[in-house]
Amino acid sequence: MANSYAIFGLGSFGSKLAISLSSLGNTVLVCDVNPVLVDEMRDKVAESVVADVSNLDVIKELNVEKFDVIILGMSSHFEDQILALTHIKQEGARHIIAKASSDVQERILYRLGADEVIQPEQDVANRLSRRLSWHNISDIFEFKGSAIAEVIVPQSLSGKTLLELDLRNRCNVTVLLLRKAGTVEDIATGPGTLLEKGDQLTVFGNRQSIIELFKED
């Protein structure tokens, strides 16, 4: 189902996010004080506005309560971001995601009422470091207290069926999809599915169990 988003701040992060959300069928409004950046987005999103969102009158005109999510991508102009966050909270915004450039900014934004705070550069660095350190785990995402991961079958699990491994009961890890080494199609799995070294799996379950099972060959 398509949602409506407002993105305040058209730096590299805000612009790319706006284009990606719009390409997925969502309704996206973008807003920035720089008319050049706004003009570049006119054909890429539903609405683009030149305005200063640190101004309460602007926030009122934008009717921020109508958006499912508002994203503040103005971390390089932190004072303006604080004012914008304060105003959109006051005007009844449903859900606010704010971009931070440091841990200090993150703490402040949470205290001022942001529902989520992200540090994109830090998030990418963390994901890359995990991928480089855990050779059989290509990606892992937190999901409602558990994790979803893309992993490679190590030698320790090779040559055994899912029934034999009993990962769900032993480790609270469920195999969702399997891609055999050298192929491009994901296939569903069953108790009799035989795992071989190098197969790619999509798994769901306890984060630490996934790491222990797949981090080493």
N, C-alpha and C. Protein backbone atom coordinates (compact mmCIF):
# COMPACT_ATOMS: atom_id res chain seq x y z
N MET A 1 0.84 -1.19 0.00
CA MET A 1 0.00 0.00 0.00
C MET A 1 0.88 1.24 0.00
N ALA A 2 0.58 2.20 -0.88
CA ALA A 2 1.35 3.42 -0.98
C ALA A 2 1.10 4.32 0.23
N ASN A 3 2.12 5.03 0.64
CA ASN A 3 2.03 5.96 1.75
C ASN A 3 2.43 7.36 1.30
N SER A 4 2.21 8.32 2.17
CA SER A 4 2.59 9.69 1.86
C SER A 4 3.75 10.12 2.76
N TYR A 5 4.76 10.72 2.15
CA TYR A 5 5.96 11.12 2.87
C TYR A 5 6.29 12.57 2.58
N ALA A 6 6.83 13.25 3.58
CA ALA A 6 7.40 14.58 3.40
C ALA A 6 8.86 14.51 3.79
N ILE A 7 9.72 14.99 2.91
CA ILE A 7 11.15 14.99 3.18
C ILE A 7 11.63 16.43 3.22
N PHE A 8 12.12 16.83 4.37
CA PHE A 8 12.60 18.19 4.58
C PHE A 8 14.13 18.18 4.57
N GLY A 9 14.71 18.77 3.55
CA GLY A 9 16.16 18.79 3.41
C GLY A 9 16.59 17.93 2.25
N LEU A 10 17.14 18.58 1.20
CA LEU A 10 17.48 17.84 -0.02
C LEU A 10 18.99 17.74 -0.24
N GLY A 11 19.67 17.25 0.78
CA GLY A 11 21.06 16.87 0.58
C GLY A 11 21.09 15.57 -0.21
N SER A 12 22.25 14.95 -0.28
CA SER A 12 22.37 13.69 -1.02
C SER A 12 21.43 12.63 -0.47
N PHE A 13 21.35 12.52 0.85
CA PHE A 13 20.48 11.52 1.48
C PHE A 13 19.02 11.79 1.18
N GLY A 14 18.56 13.01 1.43
CA GLY A 14 17.15 13.33 1.23
C GLY A 14 16.71 13.16 -0.20
N SER A 15 17.54 13.58 -1.15
CA SER A 15 17.19 13.48 -2.57
C SER A 15 17.07 12.03 -3.01
N LYS A 16 18.04 11.21 -2.62
CA LYS A 16 18.01 9.80 -3.01
C LYS A 16 16.84 9.07 -2.37
N LEU A 17 16.55 9.39 -1.13
CA LEU A 17 15.42 8.76 -0.45
C LEU A 17 14.11 9.15 -1.13
N ALA A 18 13.98 10.41 -1.48
CA ALA A 18 12.75 10.88 -2.13
C ALA A 18 12.52 10.16 -3.45
N ILE A 19 13.56 10.05 -4.25
CA ILE A 19 13.45 9.39 -5.56
C ILE A 19 13.09 7.92 -5.38
N SER A 20 13.73 7.26 -4.41
CA SER A 20 13.47 5.85 -4.17
C SER A 20 12.04 5.61 -3.70
N LEU A 21 11.58 6.41 -2.76
CA LEU A 21 10.21 6.27 -2.26
C LEU A 21 9.19 6.53 -3.37
N SER A 22 9.44 7.54 -4.18
CA SER A 22 8.52 7.85 -5.27
C SER A 22 8.48 6.74 -6.31
N SER A 23 9.64 6.15 -6.60
CA SER A 23 9.70 5.08 -7.60
C SER A 23 8.93 3.84 -7.15
N LEU A 24 8.71 3.71 -5.85
CA LEU A 24 7.96 2.58 -5.31
C LEU A 24 6.46 2.87 -5.21
N GLY A 25 6.04 3.99 -5.78
CA GLY A 25 4.61 4.29 -5.84
C GLY A 25 4.08 5.14 -4.71
N ASN A 26 4.94 5.64 -3.86
CA ASN A 26 4.50 6.48 -2.75
C ASN A 26 4.34 7.94 -3.19
N THR A 27 3.53 8.67 -2.45
CA THR A 27 3.38 10.10 -2.68
C THR A 27 4.41 10.84 -1.84
N VAL A 28 5.24 11.63 -2.50
CA VAL A 28 6.36 12.26 -1.81
C VAL A 28 6.35 13.77 -2.05
N LEU A 29 6.41 14.53 -0.96
CA LEU A 29 6.64 15.97 -1.02
C LEU A 29 8.05 16.24 -0.52
N VAL A 30 8.79 17.09 -1.24
CA VAL A 30 10.12 17.49 -0.78
C VAL A 30 10.14 18.99 -0.55
N CYS A 31 10.98 19.40 0.39
CA CYS A 31 11.04 20.82 0.75
C CYS A 31 12.46 21.19 1.12
N ASP A 32 12.94 22.33 0.57
CA ASP A 32 14.27 22.80 0.89
C ASP A 32 14.32 24.30 0.62
N VAL A 33 15.27 24.98 1.25
CA VAL A 33 15.41 26.42 1.01
C VAL A 33 16.16 26.72 -0.28
N ASN A 34 16.84 25.72 -0.83
CA ASN A 34 17.64 25.90 -2.05
C ASN A 34 16.77 25.65 -3.28
N PRO A 35 16.45 26.68 -4.06
CA PRO A 35 15.56 26.49 -5.22
C PRO A 35 16.16 25.60 -6.30
N VAL A 36 17.46 25.55 -6.40
CA VAL A 36 18.11 24.70 -7.41
C VAL A 36 17.85 23.23 -7.09
N LEU A 37 18.03 22.86 -5.83
CA LEU A 37 17.80 21.47 -5.42
C LEU A 37 16.33 21.09 -5.58
N VAL A 38 15.45 22.00 -5.23
CA VAL A 38 14.01 21.73 -5.36
C VAL A 38 13.64 21.56 -6.83
N ASP A 39 14.17 22.41 -7.69
CA ASP A 39 13.84 22.33 -9.11
C ASP A 39 14.30 21.01 -9.71
N GLU A 40 15.41 20.48 -9.25
CA GLU A 40 15.92 19.20 -9.75
C GLU A 40 14.98 18.05 -9.43
N MET A 41 14.11 18.23 -8.44
CA MET A 41 13.22 17.15 -8.01
C MET A 41 11.82 17.26 -8.57
N ARG A 42 11.52 18.31 -9.32
CA ARG A 42 10.13 18.57 -9.73
C ARG A 42 9.51 17.44 -10.52
N ASP A 43 10.26 16.81 -11.38
CA ASP A 43 9.72 15.73 -12.21
C ASP A 43 9.89 14.36 -11.58
N LYS A 44 10.42 14.31 -10.37
CA LYS A 44 10.74 13.03 -9.74
C LYS A 44 9.81 12.69 -8.57
N VAL A 45 9.10 13.70 -8.05
CA VAL A 45 8.22 13.48 -6.91
C VAL A 45 6.88 14.18 -7.15
N ALA A 46 5.92 13.92 -6.27
CA ALA A 46 4.57 14.48 -6.45
C ALA A 46 4.56 15.99 -6.27
N GLU A 47 5.34 16.51 -5.32
CA GLU A 47 5.32 17.94 -5.05
C GLU A 47 6.67 18.38 -4.50
N SER A 48 7.16 19.52 -4.97
CA SER A 48 8.42 20.07 -4.47
C SER A 48 8.22 21.53 -4.13
N VAL A 49 8.71 21.92 -2.96
CA VAL A 49 8.41 23.24 -2.41
C VAL A 49 9.70 23.91 -1.95
N VAL A 50 9.86 25.19 -2.32
CA VAL A 50 10.95 26.00 -1.79
C VAL A 50 10.43 26.71 -0.54
N ALA A 51 10.97 26.35 0.62
CA ALA A 51 10.49 26.96 1.86
C ALA A 51 11.44 26.62 2.99
N ASP A 52 11.36 27.40 4.05
CA ASP A 52 12.18 27.22 5.24
C ASP A 52 11.33 26.53 6.30
N VAL A 53 11.58 25.25 6.52
CA VAL A 53 10.74 24.48 7.45
C VAL A 53 11.08 24.75 8.90
N SER A 54 12.05 25.61 9.16
CA SER A 54 12.28 26.04 10.54
C SER A 54 11.31 27.14 10.95
N ASN A 55 10.49 27.56 9.99
CA ASN A 55 9.49 28.61 10.21
C ASN A 55 8.14 27.96 10.53
N LEU A 56 7.55 28.31 11.65
CA LEU A 56 6.29 27.69 12.07
C LEU A 56 5.17 27.95 11.07
N ASP A 57 5.11 29.13 10.47
CA ASP A 57 4.07 29.42 9.50
C ASP A 57 4.15 28.49 8.29
N VAL A 58 5.37 28.17 7.87
CA VAL A 58 5.55 27.23 6.75
C VAL A 58 5.03 25.85 7.13
N ILE A 59 5.36 25.40 8.33
CA ILE A 59 4.91 24.08 8.79
C ILE A 59 3.38 24.02 8.81
N LYS A 60 2.75 25.07 9.26
CA LYS A 60 1.29 25.10 9.29
C LYS A 60 0.71 25.02 7.89
N GLU A 61 1.31 25.71 6.93
CA GLU A 61 0.83 25.68 5.55
C GLU A 61 0.99 24.31 4.90
N LEU A 62 2.00 23.57 5.32
CA LEU A 62 2.25 22.26 4.74
C LEU A 62 1.33 21.18 5.27
N ASN A 63 0.57 21.47 6.33
CA ASN A 63 -0.37 20.49 6.90
C ASN A 63 0.34 19.16 7.21
N VAL A 64 1.33 19.23 8.05
CA VAL A 64 2.19 18.07 8.28
C VAL A 64 1.44 16.86 8.83
N GLU A 65 0.31 17.08 9.45
CA GLU A 65 -0.43 15.94 10.02
C GLU A 65 -0.99 15.00 8.97
N LYS A 66 -1.02 15.42 7.71
CA LYS A 66 -1.58 14.57 6.65
C LYS A 66 -0.60 13.51 6.16
N PHE A 67 0.69 13.64 6.49
CA PHE A 67 1.69 12.70 6.00
C PHE A 67 1.82 11.51 6.94
N ASP A 68 2.04 10.34 6.35
CA ASP A 68 2.27 9.16 7.18
C ASP A 68 3.60 9.26 7.92
N VAL A 69 4.61 9.77 7.23
CA VAL A 69 5.95 9.90 7.82
C VAL A 69 6.58 11.19 7.32
N ILE A 70 7.28 11.87 8.22
CA ILE A 70 8.08 13.03 7.84
C ILE A 70 9.54 12.72 8.15
N ILE A 71 10.40 12.95 7.16
CA ILE A 71 11.83 12.69 7.33
C ILE A 71 12.57 14.01 7.33
N LEU A 72 13.33 14.25 8.39
CA LEU A 72 14.16 15.44 8.50
C LEU A 72 15.59 15.09 8.12
N GLY A 73 16.03 15.58 6.96
CA GLY A 73 17.38 15.27 6.48
C GLY A 73 18.30 16.46 6.55
N MET A 74 18.17 17.26 7.58
CA MET A 74 18.86 18.55 7.66
C MET A 74 19.96 18.55 8.71
N SER A 75 20.63 17.44 8.92
CA SER A 75 21.56 17.33 10.05
C SER A 75 22.75 18.28 9.93
N SER A 76 23.07 18.74 8.71
CA SER A 76 24.18 19.69 8.56
C SER A 76 23.77 21.10 8.96
N HIS A 77 22.46 21.32 9.14
CA HIS A 77 21.93 22.59 9.64
C HIS A 77 21.11 22.26 10.90
N PHE A 78 21.83 21.92 11.95
CA PHE A 78 21.18 21.28 13.10
C PHE A 78 20.21 22.21 13.83
N GLU A 79 20.53 23.48 13.92
CA GLU A 79 19.61 24.41 14.59
C GLU A 79 18.27 24.48 13.86
N ASP A 80 18.33 24.52 12.52
CA ASP A 80 17.09 24.52 11.74
C ASP A 80 16.34 23.21 11.92
N GLN A 81 17.08 22.11 12.02
CA GLN A 81 16.44 20.82 12.20
C GLN A 81 15.71 20.74 13.54
N ILE A 82 16.32 21.29 14.58
CA ILE A 82 15.69 21.32 15.89
C ILE A 82 14.39 22.12 15.85
N LEU A 83 14.44 23.28 15.21
CA LEU A 83 13.23 24.10 15.10
C LEU A 83 12.15 23.38 14.31
N ALA A 84 12.55 22.76 13.19
CA ALA A 84 11.57 22.04 12.36
C ALA A 84 10.94 20.90 13.14
N LEU A 85 11.75 20.14 13.87
CA LEU A 85 11.23 19.03 14.67
C LEU A 85 10.24 19.53 15.72
N THR A 86 10.60 20.60 16.38
CA THR A 86 9.72 21.17 17.41
C THR A 86 8.38 21.59 16.81
N HIS A 87 8.43 22.23 15.66
CA HIS A 87 7.21 22.73 15.02
C HIS A 87 6.32 21.58 14.52
N ILE A 88 6.92 20.58 13.88
CA ILE A 88 6.07 19.52 13.32
C ILE A 88 5.48 18.64 14.41
N LYS A 89 6.19 18.52 15.55
CA LYS A 89 5.60 17.83 16.70
C LYS A 89 4.40 18.62 17.21
N GLN A 90 4.56 19.93 17.29
CA GLN A 90 3.49 20.80 17.78
C GLN A 90 2.27 20.74 16.87
N GLU A 91 2.50 20.56 15.57
CA GLU A 91 1.40 20.56 14.61
C GLU A 91 0.82 19.17 14.35
N GLY A 92 1.23 18.18 15.13
CA GLY A 92 0.57 16.88 15.09
C GLY A 92 1.10 15.88 14.08
N ALA A 93 2.38 15.96 13.73
CA ALA A 93 2.95 14.97 12.82
C ALA A 93 2.81 13.57 13.38
N ARG A 94 2.48 12.61 12.51
CA ARG A 94 2.23 11.24 12.97
C ARG A 94 3.50 10.49 13.35
N HIS A 95 4.50 10.56 12.48
CA HIS A 95 5.73 9.79 12.70
C HIS A 95 6.89 10.59 12.11
N ILE A 96 7.93 10.80 12.91
CA ILE A 96 9.05 11.63 12.48
C ILE A 96 10.34 10.81 12.53
N ILE A 97 11.04 10.80 11.40
CA ILE A 97 12.37 10.19 11.32
C ILE A 97 13.37 11.32 11.07
N ALA A 98 14.39 11.41 11.91
CA ALA A 98 15.37 12.48 11.79
C ALA A 98 16.76 11.90 11.51
N LYS A 99 17.49 12.58 10.65
CA LYS A 99 18.86 12.18 10.32
C LYS A 99 19.82 12.91 11.24
N ALA A 100 20.74 12.17 11.82
CA ALA A 100 21.75 12.74 12.70
C ALA A 100 23.14 12.52 12.12
N SER A 101 24.06 13.41 12.50
CA SER A 101 25.44 13.27 12.05
C SER A 101 26.37 12.83 13.17
N SER A 102 25.84 12.68 14.37
CA SER A 102 26.67 12.27 15.51
C SER A 102 25.77 11.67 16.59
N ASP A 103 26.41 11.01 17.55
CA ASP A 103 25.66 10.44 18.67
C ASP A 103 25.01 11.52 19.51
N VAL A 104 25.69 12.66 19.64
CA VAL A 104 25.13 13.77 20.41
C VAL A 104 23.85 14.28 19.76
N GLN A 105 23.89 14.48 18.44
CA GLN A 105 22.69 14.90 17.72
C GLN A 105 21.58 13.87 17.89
N GLU A 106 21.91 12.60 17.81
CA GLU A 106 20.90 11.55 17.95
C GLU A 106 20.20 11.64 19.30
N ARG A 107 20.96 11.81 20.37
CA ARG A 107 20.35 11.90 21.70
C ARG A 107 19.43 13.12 21.82
N ILE A 108 19.88 14.23 21.27
CA ILE A 108 19.07 15.45 21.33
C ILE A 108 17.77 15.28 20.56
N LEU A 109 17.85 14.71 19.37
CA LEU A 109 16.65 14.54 18.54
C LEU A 109 15.63 13.61 19.19
N TYR A 110 16.11 12.56 19.83
CA TYR A 110 15.18 11.68 20.55
C TYR A 110 14.51 12.43 21.71
N ARG A 111 15.28 13.21 22.42
CA ARG A 111 14.72 13.95 23.56
C ARG A 111 13.68 14.97 23.11
N LEU A 112 13.84 15.48 21.90
CA LEU A 112 12.90 16.48 21.38
C LEU A 112 11.68 15.86 20.72
N GLY A 113 11.63 14.53 20.67
CA GLY A 113 10.41 13.88 20.22
C GLY A 113 10.47 13.13 18.91
N ALA A 114 11.65 12.97 18.30
CA ALA A 114 11.73 12.16 17.09
C ALA A 114 11.36 10.71 17.40
N ASP A 115 10.61 10.09 16.50
CA ASP A 115 10.24 8.68 16.69
C ASP A 115 11.38 7.74 16.33
N GLU A 116 12.16 8.12 15.33
CA GLU A 116 13.33 7.36 14.92
C GLU A 116 14.44 8.35 14.58
N VAL A 117 15.67 7.96 14.86
CA VAL A 117 16.83 8.75 14.46
C VAL A 117 17.81 7.81 13.77
N ILE A 118 18.28 8.23 12.61
CA ILE A 118 19.21 7.41 11.84
C ILE A 118 20.51 8.17 11.61
N GLN A 119 21.58 7.41 11.49
CA GLN A 119 22.89 7.93 11.09
C GLN A 119 23.33 7.12 9.88
N PRO A 120 22.95 7.52 8.66
CA PRO A 120 23.20 6.70 7.47
C PRO A 120 24.65 6.29 7.29
N GLU A 121 25.58 7.22 7.48
CA GLU A 121 26.99 6.88 7.29
C GLU A 121 27.44 5.82 8.29
N GLN A 122 26.99 5.97 9.56
CA GLN A 122 27.35 5.00 10.58
C GLN A 122 26.69 3.65 10.30
N ASP A 123 25.44 3.68 9.84
CA ASP A 123 24.74 2.43 9.53
C ASP A 123 25.45 1.66 8.42
N VAL A 124 25.86 2.38 7.36
CA VAL A 124 26.56 1.74 6.25
C VAL A 124 27.90 1.19 6.72
N ALA A 125 28.62 1.97 7.53
CA ALA A 125 29.91 1.50 8.05
C ALA A 125 29.74 0.24 8.90
N ASN A 126 28.70 0.21 9.73
CA ASN A 126 28.47 -0.97 10.57
C ASN A 126 28.16 -2.20 9.72
N ARG A 127 27.31 -2.01 8.70
CA ARG A 127 26.95 -3.14 7.84
C ARG A 127 28.16 -3.65 7.09
N LEU A 128 28.99 -2.74 6.59
CA LEU A 128 30.17 -3.16 5.84
C LEU A 128 31.16 -3.87 6.75
N SER A 129 31.36 -3.35 7.95
CA SER A 129 32.30 -4.00 8.87
C SER A 129 31.84 -5.40 9.23
N ARG A 130 30.52 -5.57 9.42
CA ARG A 130 30.00 -6.91 9.72
C ARG A 130 30.22 -7.85 8.54
N ARG A 131 29.96 -7.34 7.34
CA ARG A 131 30.12 -8.20 6.15
C ARG A 131 31.57 -8.62 5.97
N LEU A 132 32.50 -7.70 6.24
CA LEU A 132 33.91 -8.02 6.09
C LEU A 132 34.40 -8.96 7.18
N SER A 133 33.81 -8.85 8.38
CA SER A 133 34.26 -9.66 9.51
C SER A 133 33.60 -11.04 9.54
N TRP A 134 32.32 -11.10 9.15
CA TRP A 134 31.57 -12.36 9.16
C TRP A 134 31.46 -12.85 7.71
N HIS A 135 32.39 -13.70 7.31
CA HIS A 135 32.54 -14.03 5.89
C HIS A 135 31.32 -14.68 5.28
N ASN A 136 30.52 -15.37 6.06
CA ASN A 136 29.36 -16.06 5.50
C ASN A 136 28.06 -15.30 5.69
N ILE A 137 28.12 -14.09 6.24
CA ILE A 137 26.92 -13.27 6.44
C ILE A 137 27.04 -12.04 5.57
N SER A 138 26.27 -11.99 4.48
CA SER A 138 26.38 -10.86 3.55
C SER A 138 25.57 -9.67 4.02
N ASP A 139 24.50 -9.89 4.77
CA ASP A 139 23.70 -8.78 5.30
C ASP A 139 22.81 -9.30 6.42
N ILE A 140 22.55 -8.43 7.39
CA ILE A 140 21.67 -8.79 8.50
C ILE A 140 20.91 -7.55 8.94
N PHE A 141 19.59 -7.69 9.12
CA PHE A 141 18.73 -6.57 9.47
C PHE A 141 17.91 -6.91 10.71
N GLU A 142 17.82 -5.94 11.61
CA GLU A 142 16.95 -6.10 12.77
C GLU A 142 15.50 -6.03 12.31
N PHE A 143 14.65 -6.88 12.90
CA PHE A 143 13.24 -6.92 12.50
C PHE A 143 12.39 -7.32 13.69
N LYS A 144 11.77 -6.31 14.35
CA LYS A 144 10.83 -6.56 15.45
C LYS A 144 11.41 -7.50 16.50
N GLY A 145 12.62 -7.22 16.92
CA GLY A 145 13.23 -8.01 17.98
C GLY A 145 13.99 -9.23 17.50
N SER A 146 13.85 -9.57 16.22
CA SER A 146 14.60 -10.68 15.64
C SER A 146 15.46 -10.13 14.51
N ALA A 147 15.89 -10.99 13.60
CA ALA A 147 16.73 -10.54 12.50
C ALA A 147 16.44 -11.35 11.26
N ILE A 148 16.61 -10.70 10.10
CA ILE A 148 16.58 -11.36 8.80
C ILE A 148 17.97 -11.22 8.21
N ALA A 149 18.52 -12.30 7.68
CA ALA A 149 19.89 -12.25 7.17
C ALA A 149 20.04 -13.04 5.88
N GLU A 150 20.99 -12.58 5.07
CA GLU A 150 21.44 -13.33 3.89
C GLU A 150 22.76 -13.99 4.27
N VAL A 151 22.81 -15.31 4.19
CA VAL A 151 23.98 -16.04 4.68
C VAL A 151 24.43 -17.09 3.67
N ILE A 152 25.66 -17.52 3.82
CA ILE A 152 26.22 -18.60 3.00
C ILE A 152 26.40 -19.83 3.88
N VAL A 153 26.01 -20.99 3.36
CA VAL A 153 26.12 -22.24 4.12
C VAL A 153 27.59 -22.59 4.33
N PRO A 154 28.02 -22.72 5.59
CA PRO A 154 29.41 -23.10 5.88
C PRO A 154 29.58 -24.62 5.83
N GLN A 155 30.82 -25.06 5.91
CA GLN A 155 31.12 -26.48 5.86
C GLN A 155 30.44 -27.23 7.00
N SER A 156 30.31 -26.59 8.16
CA SER A 156 29.75 -27.27 9.33
C SER A 156 28.29 -27.68 9.13
N LEU A 157 27.56 -27.04 8.21
CA LEU A 157 26.16 -27.37 7.97
C LEU A 157 25.96 -28.12 6.66
N SER A 158 27.01 -28.24 5.88
CA SER A 158 26.90 -28.84 4.55
C SER A 158 26.65 -30.35 4.63
N GLY A 159 25.87 -30.85 3.67
CA GLY A 159 25.60 -32.27 3.58
C GLY A 159 24.50 -32.75 4.50
N LYS A 160 23.76 -31.82 5.10
CA LYS A 160 22.69 -32.19 6.01
C LYS A 160 21.38 -31.56 5.56
N THR A 161 20.27 -32.23 5.84
CA THR A 161 18.96 -31.67 5.50
C THR A 161 18.50 -30.73 6.62
N LEU A 162 17.51 -29.93 6.30
CA LEU A 162 16.96 -29.04 7.32
C LEU A 162 16.34 -29.83 8.46
N LEU A 163 15.78 -30.99 8.14
CA LEU A 163 15.20 -31.83 9.19
C LEU A 163 16.29 -32.30 10.15
N GLU A 164 17.43 -32.70 9.59
CA GLU A 164 18.54 -33.16 10.44
C GLU A 164 19.10 -32.02 11.29
N LEU A 165 19.21 -30.86 10.71
CA LEU A 165 19.79 -29.73 11.44
C LEU A 165 18.85 -29.19 12.51
N ASP A 166 17.54 -29.23 12.22
CA ASP A 166 16.51 -28.80 13.18
C ASP A 166 16.84 -27.41 13.76
N LEU A 167 17.18 -26.47 12.86
CA LEU A 167 17.63 -25.15 13.29
C LEU A 167 16.54 -24.38 14.04
N ARG A 168 15.30 -24.58 13.65
CA ARG A 168 14.21 -23.83 14.28
C ARG A 168 14.10 -24.16 15.76
N ASN A 169 14.15 -25.44 16.09
CA ASN A 169 14.00 -25.83 17.49
C ASN A 169 15.28 -25.68 18.29
N ARG A 170 16.42 -25.94 17.65
CA ARG A 170 17.70 -25.87 18.37
C ARG A 170 18.21 -24.45 18.54
N CYS A 171 17.98 -23.61 17.51
CA CYS A 171 18.64 -22.29 17.51
C CYS A 171 17.68 -21.14 17.30
N ASN A 172 16.38 -21.42 17.14
CA ASN A 172 15.40 -20.37 16.84
C ASN A 172 15.75 -19.64 15.55
N VAL A 173 16.15 -20.41 14.54
CA VAL A 173 16.48 -19.86 13.22
C VAL A 173 15.70 -20.64 12.17
N THR A 174 14.96 -19.91 11.33
CA THR A 174 14.15 -20.53 10.28
C THR A 174 14.72 -20.16 8.92
N VAL A 175 14.89 -21.17 8.07
CA VAL A 175 15.35 -20.94 6.69
C VAL A 175 14.14 -20.61 5.84
N LEU A 176 14.13 -19.43 5.22
CA LEU A 176 13.00 -18.99 4.42
C LEU A 176 13.18 -19.33 2.95
N LEU A 177 14.37 -19.08 2.41
CA LEU A 177 14.63 -19.29 0.99
C LEU A 177 16.04 -19.85 0.80
N LEU A 178 16.22 -20.54 -0.31
CA LEU A 178 17.51 -21.12 -0.65
C LEU A 178 17.85 -20.78 -2.09
N ARG A 179 19.09 -20.38 -2.31
CA ARG A 179 19.59 -20.19 -3.66
C ARG A 179 20.84 -21.04 -3.81
N LYS A 180 20.78 -22.05 -4.70
CA LYS A 180 21.91 -22.93 -4.87
C LYS A 180 23.08 -22.17 -5.47
N ALA A 181 24.27 -22.56 -5.08
CA ALA A 181 25.47 -21.91 -5.57
C ALA A 181 25.51 -21.94 -7.09
N GLY A 182 25.78 -20.79 -7.71
CA GLY A 182 25.89 -20.71 -9.16
C GLY A 182 24.58 -20.45 -9.87
N THR A 183 23.46 -20.30 -9.12
CA THR A 183 22.16 -20.02 -9.73
C THR A 183 21.68 -18.64 -9.30
N VAL A 184 20.58 -18.18 -9.91
CA VAL A 184 20.07 -16.84 -9.59
C VAL A 184 18.65 -16.87 -9.03
N GLU A 185 18.05 -18.06 -8.92
CA GLU A 185 16.67 -18.15 -8.46
C GLU A 185 16.59 -18.65 -7.02
N ASP A 186 15.74 -17.99 -6.23
CA ASP A 186 15.47 -18.44 -4.87
C ASP A 186 14.38 -19.51 -4.92
N ILE A 187 14.53 -20.53 -4.12
CA ILE A 187 13.54 -21.60 -4.08
C ILE A 187 13.08 -21.79 -2.64
N ALA A 188 11.84 -22.27 -2.49
CA ALA A 188 11.30 -22.56 -1.16
C ALA A 188 11.98 -23.81 -0.61
N THR A 189 11.98 -23.91 0.70
CA THR A 189 12.63 -25.04 1.35
C THR A 189 11.63 -25.89 2.10
N GLY A 190 12.03 -27.11 2.39
CA GLY A 190 11.22 -28.03 3.17
C GLY A 190 12.12 -28.87 4.05
N PRO A 191 11.56 -29.74 4.88
CA PRO A 191 12.37 -30.55 5.79
C PRO A 191 13.45 -31.36 5.08
N GLY A 192 13.17 -31.79 3.85
CA GLY A 192 14.13 -32.63 3.13
C GLY A 192 15.17 -31.87 2.34
N THR A 193 15.13 -30.54 2.39
CA THR A 193 16.08 -29.74 1.63
C THR A 193 17.50 -29.99 2.13
N LEU A 194 18.39 -30.36 1.19
CA LEU A 194 19.78 -30.64 1.52
C LEU A 194 20.62 -29.38 1.33
N LEU A 195 21.36 -29.02 2.35
CA LEU A 195 22.23 -27.85 2.26
C LEU A 195 23.63 -28.27 1.81
N GLU A 196 24.23 -27.44 0.98
CA GLU A 196 25.59 -27.69 0.52
C GLU A 196 26.42 -26.43 0.71
N LYS A 197 27.69 -26.63 0.97
CA LYS A 197 28.59 -25.51 1.18
C LYS A 197 28.51 -24.54 0.00
N GLY A 198 28.33 -23.25 0.31
CA GLY A 198 28.25 -22.24 -0.75
C GLY A 198 26.84 -21.85 -1.12
N ASP A 199 25.83 -22.63 -0.69
CA ASP A 199 24.44 -22.24 -0.94
C ASP A 199 24.14 -20.94 -0.19
N GLN A 200 23.28 -20.12 -0.78
CA GLN A 200 22.88 -18.88 -0.12
C GLN A 200 21.50 -19.06 0.47
N LEU A 201 21.35 -18.67 1.74
CA LEU A 201 20.08 -18.79 2.45
C LEU A 201 19.59 -17.42 2.89
N THR A 202 18.26 -17.28 2.93
CA THR A 202 17.63 -16.17 3.63
C THR A 202 17.03 -16.76 4.89
N VAL A 203 17.48 -16.27 6.05
CA VAL A 203 17.05 -16.86 7.31
C VAL A 203 16.43 -15.79 8.21
N PHE A 204 15.62 -16.27 9.15
CA PHE A 204 14.94 -15.38 10.10
C PHE A 204 15.03 -16.00 11.48
N GLY A 205 15.30 -15.16 12.49
CA GLY A 205 15.31 -15.70 13.83
C GLY A 205 16.15 -14.90 14.79
N ASN A 206 16.68 -15.58 15.79
CA ASN A 206 17.50 -14.94 16.82
C ASN A 206 18.81 -14.44 16.21
N ARG A 207 19.08 -13.15 16.40
CA ARG A 207 20.25 -12.52 15.77
C ARG A 207 21.56 -13.19 16.17
N GLN A 208 21.75 -13.41 17.47
CA GLN A 208 23.01 -13.99 17.93
C GLN A 208 23.18 -15.41 17.43
N SER A 209 22.09 -16.18 17.35
CA SER A 209 22.17 -17.55 16.84
C SER A 209 22.58 -17.56 15.37
N ILE A 210 22.02 -16.62 14.60
CA ILE A 210 22.39 -16.52 13.19
C ILE A 210 23.88 -16.24 13.07
N ILE A 211 24.39 -15.33 13.87
CA ILE A 211 25.82 -14.98 13.82
C ILE A 211 26.68 -16.18 14.17
N GLU A 212 26.31 -16.89 15.24
CA GLU A 212 27.12 -18.03 15.67
C GLU A 212 27.08 -19.16 14.64
N LEU A 213 25.94 -19.37 13.99
CA LEU A 213 25.83 -20.44 13.01
C LEU A 213 26.61 -20.18 11.74
N PHE A 214 26.64 -18.91 11.30
CA PHE A 214 27.12 -18.63 9.95
C PHE A 214 28.34 -17.71 9.85
N LYS A 215 28.84 -17.19 10.98
CA LYS A 215 29.89 -16.18 10.85
C LYS A 215 31.22 -16.74 10.38
N GLU A 216 31.46 -18.04 10.60
CA GLU A 216 32.73 -18.64 10.21
C GLU A 216 32.50 -19.89 9.39
N ASP A 217 33.52 -20.21 8.60
CA ASP A 217 33.46 -21.42 7.78
C ASP A 217 33.90 -22.63 8.60
